[in-house]
Amino acid sequence: MKRRARGKPIKHCPHCNSSDLEIVGGMILGQVYHCRSCDYVGSLVYETDAPLDAKGA
């Protein structure tokens, strides 16, 4: 069975669906993200795969 090729994972804000996130905390607390679009701050983000280019990466 052949595996489906995946693109690069992209993280998205759960409030505004923007991918303009920056990591503001880490280490002991875990990763905490700040969305530059809606000012969301939290550790809950969701991740999707970026589409592959026409060459198949």
N, C-alpha and C. Protein backbone atom coordinates (compact mmCIF):
# COMPACT_ATOMS: atom_id res chain seq x y z
N MET A 1 0.84 -1.18 0.00
CA MET A 1 0.00 0.00 0.00
C MET A 1 0.89 1.25 0.00
N LYS A 2 0.62 2.14 -0.93
CA LYS A 2 1.43 3.35 -1.07
C LYS A 2 0.87 4.45 -0.17
N ARG A 3 1.77 5.15 0.53
CA ARG A 3 1.35 6.26 1.39
C ARG A 3 1.11 7.51 0.58
N ARG A 4 0.16 8.30 1.04
CA ARG A 4 -0.14 9.56 0.38
C ARG A 4 0.92 10.59 0.79
N ALA A 5 1.44 11.32 -0.17
CA ALA A 5 2.43 12.35 0.12
C ALA A 5 1.75 13.51 0.85
N ARG A 6 2.45 14.07 1.82
CA ARG A 6 1.91 15.18 2.59
C ARG A 6 2.76 16.43 2.39
N GLY A 7 2.11 17.57 2.53
CA GLY A 7 2.83 18.83 2.46
C GLY A 7 3.33 19.22 3.85
N LYS A 8 3.88 20.39 3.95
CA LYS A 8 4.39 20.90 5.22
C LYS A 8 3.21 21.24 6.14
N PRO A 9 3.26 20.85 7.43
CA PRO A 9 2.17 21.18 8.35
C PRO A 9 2.10 22.69 8.64
N ILE A 10 0.88 23.23 8.69
CA ILE A 10 0.64 24.64 8.97
C ILE A 10 -0.29 24.74 10.18
N LYS A 11 0.07 25.57 11.15
CA LYS A 11 -0.76 25.78 12.33
C LYS A 11 -1.72 26.95 12.10
N HIS A 12 -2.96 26.81 12.61
CA HIS A 12 -4.00 27.82 12.42
C HIS A 12 -4.60 28.23 13.76
N CYS A 13 -5.02 29.49 13.86
CA CYS A 13 -5.69 30.02 15.04
C CYS A 13 -7.11 29.42 15.11
N PRO A 14 -7.56 28.99 16.30
CA PRO A 14 -8.91 28.44 16.43
C PRO A 14 -10.01 29.51 16.37
N HIS A 15 -9.65 30.78 16.55
CA HIS A 15 -10.66 31.85 16.54
C HIS A 15 -10.90 32.45 15.16
N CYS A 16 -9.81 32.78 14.45
CA CYS A 16 -9.96 33.49 13.17
C CYS A 16 -9.44 32.70 11.97
N ASN A 17 -8.90 31.51 12.19
CA ASN A 17 -8.39 30.64 11.14
C ASN A 17 -7.15 31.19 10.44
N SER A 18 -6.49 32.17 11.02
CA SER A 18 -5.28 32.74 10.45
C SER A 18 -4.09 31.83 10.73
N SER A 19 -3.11 31.86 9.85
CA SER A 19 -1.88 31.10 10.08
C SER A 19 -0.74 32.03 10.51
N ASP A 20 -1.07 33.25 10.89
CA ASP A 20 -0.08 34.24 11.33
C ASP A 20 0.13 34.11 12.84
N LEU A 21 0.79 33.02 13.26
CA LEU A 21 1.01 32.72 14.67
C LEU A 21 2.48 32.83 15.02
N GLU A 22 2.75 33.20 16.26
CA GLU A 22 4.11 33.19 16.77
C GLU A 22 4.12 32.48 18.12
N ILE A 23 5.21 31.80 18.43
CA ILE A 23 5.33 31.12 19.72
C ILE A 23 5.82 32.14 20.74
N VAL A 24 5.09 32.28 21.86
CA VAL A 24 5.47 33.25 22.88
C VAL A 24 5.89 32.57 24.18
N GLY A 25 5.70 31.29 24.30
CA GLY A 25 6.10 30.57 25.51
C GLY A 25 6.45 29.15 25.17
N GLY A 26 7.17 28.53 26.06
CA GLY A 26 7.57 27.16 25.81
C GLY A 26 8.19 26.56 27.05
N MET A 27 9.00 25.56 26.84
CA MET A 27 9.72 24.86 27.90
C MET A 27 8.75 24.19 28.88
N ILE A 28 8.70 24.61 30.12
CA ILE A 28 7.90 23.95 31.15
C ILE A 28 6.40 24.13 30.88
N LEU A 29 6.00 25.29 30.44
CA LEU A 29 4.59 25.57 30.20
C LEU A 29 4.03 24.86 28.97
N GLY A 30 4.86 24.42 28.09
CA GLY A 30 4.42 23.92 26.80
C GLY A 30 4.37 25.09 25.83
N GLN A 31 3.99 24.84 24.60
CA GLN A 31 3.98 25.91 23.62
C GLN A 31 2.74 26.78 23.78
N VAL A 32 2.95 28.09 23.81
CA VAL A 32 1.86 29.06 23.87
C VAL A 32 2.01 29.95 22.64
N TYR A 33 0.90 30.10 21.90
CA TYR A 33 0.92 30.83 20.64
C TYR A 33 0.17 32.16 20.76
N HIS A 34 0.61 33.15 19.99
CA HIS A 34 -0.06 34.44 19.89
C HIS A 34 -0.43 34.66 18.43
N CYS A 35 -1.72 34.91 18.16
CA CYS A 35 -2.18 35.19 16.81
C CYS A 35 -2.07 36.69 16.58
N ARG A 36 -1.37 37.08 15.54
CA ARG A 36 -1.19 38.50 15.24
C ARG A 36 -2.44 39.12 14.62
N SER A 37 -3.35 38.30 14.12
CA SER A 37 -4.56 38.83 13.48
C SER A 37 -5.64 39.20 14.49
N CYS A 38 -5.88 38.33 15.48
CA CYS A 38 -7.00 38.57 16.41
C CYS A 38 -6.55 38.65 17.87
N ASP A 39 -5.26 38.62 18.14
CA ASP A 39 -4.69 38.70 19.49
C ASP A 39 -5.05 37.53 20.39
N TYR A 40 -5.41 36.38 19.82
CA TYR A 40 -5.63 35.16 20.60
C TYR A 40 -4.30 34.73 21.21
N VAL A 41 -4.31 34.33 22.48
CA VAL A 41 -3.14 33.77 23.14
C VAL A 41 -3.58 32.47 23.80
N GLY A 42 -2.91 31.38 23.47
CA GLY A 42 -3.25 30.10 24.07
C GLY A 42 -2.44 28.97 23.45
N SER A 43 -2.64 27.79 24.00
CA SER A 43 -1.88 26.64 23.52
C SER A 43 -2.67 25.80 22.52
N LEU A 44 -3.96 26.10 22.36
CA LEU A 44 -4.79 25.34 21.44
C LEU A 44 -4.74 25.95 20.04
N VAL A 45 -4.13 25.22 19.11
CA VAL A 45 -4.12 25.59 17.70
C VAL A 45 -4.37 24.30 16.93
N TYR A 46 -4.79 24.41 15.68
CA TYR A 46 -4.94 23.20 14.89
C TYR A 46 -4.02 23.24 13.69
N GLU A 47 -3.71 22.05 13.20
CA GLU A 47 -2.68 21.91 12.19
C GLU A 47 -3.25 21.20 10.96
N THR A 48 -2.93 21.73 9.79
CA THR A 48 -3.32 21.09 8.53
C THR A 48 -2.09 20.94 7.65
N ASP A 49 -2.19 20.10 6.66
CA ASP A 49 -1.09 19.92 5.71
C ASP A 49 -1.23 20.91 4.57
N ALA A 50 -0.12 21.54 4.21
CA ALA A 50 -0.11 22.44 3.06
C ALA A 50 -0.21 21.61 1.79
N PRO A 51 -0.88 22.11 0.77
CA PRO A 51 -0.94 21.36 -0.48
C PRO A 51 0.44 21.26 -1.12
N LEU A 52 0.67 20.15 -1.79
CA LEU A 52 1.94 19.96 -2.49
C LEU A 52 1.93 20.75 -3.79
N ASP A 53 3.11 21.11 -4.25
CA ASP A 53 3.20 21.80 -5.54
C ASP A 53 2.96 20.79 -6.67
N ALA A 54 2.95 21.26 -7.89
CA ALA A 54 2.63 20.42 -9.05
C ALA A 54 3.67 19.32 -9.28
N LYS A 55 4.90 19.52 -8.82
CA LYS A 55 5.97 18.53 -9.02
C LYS A 55 5.86 17.38 -8.03
N GLY A 56 5.06 17.53 -6.95
CA GLY A 56 4.93 16.46 -5.97
C GLY A 56 5.97 16.53 -4.88
N ALA A 57 6.63 17.67 -4.77
CA ALA A 57 7.67 17.92 -3.76
C ALA A 57 8.71 16.87 -3.88
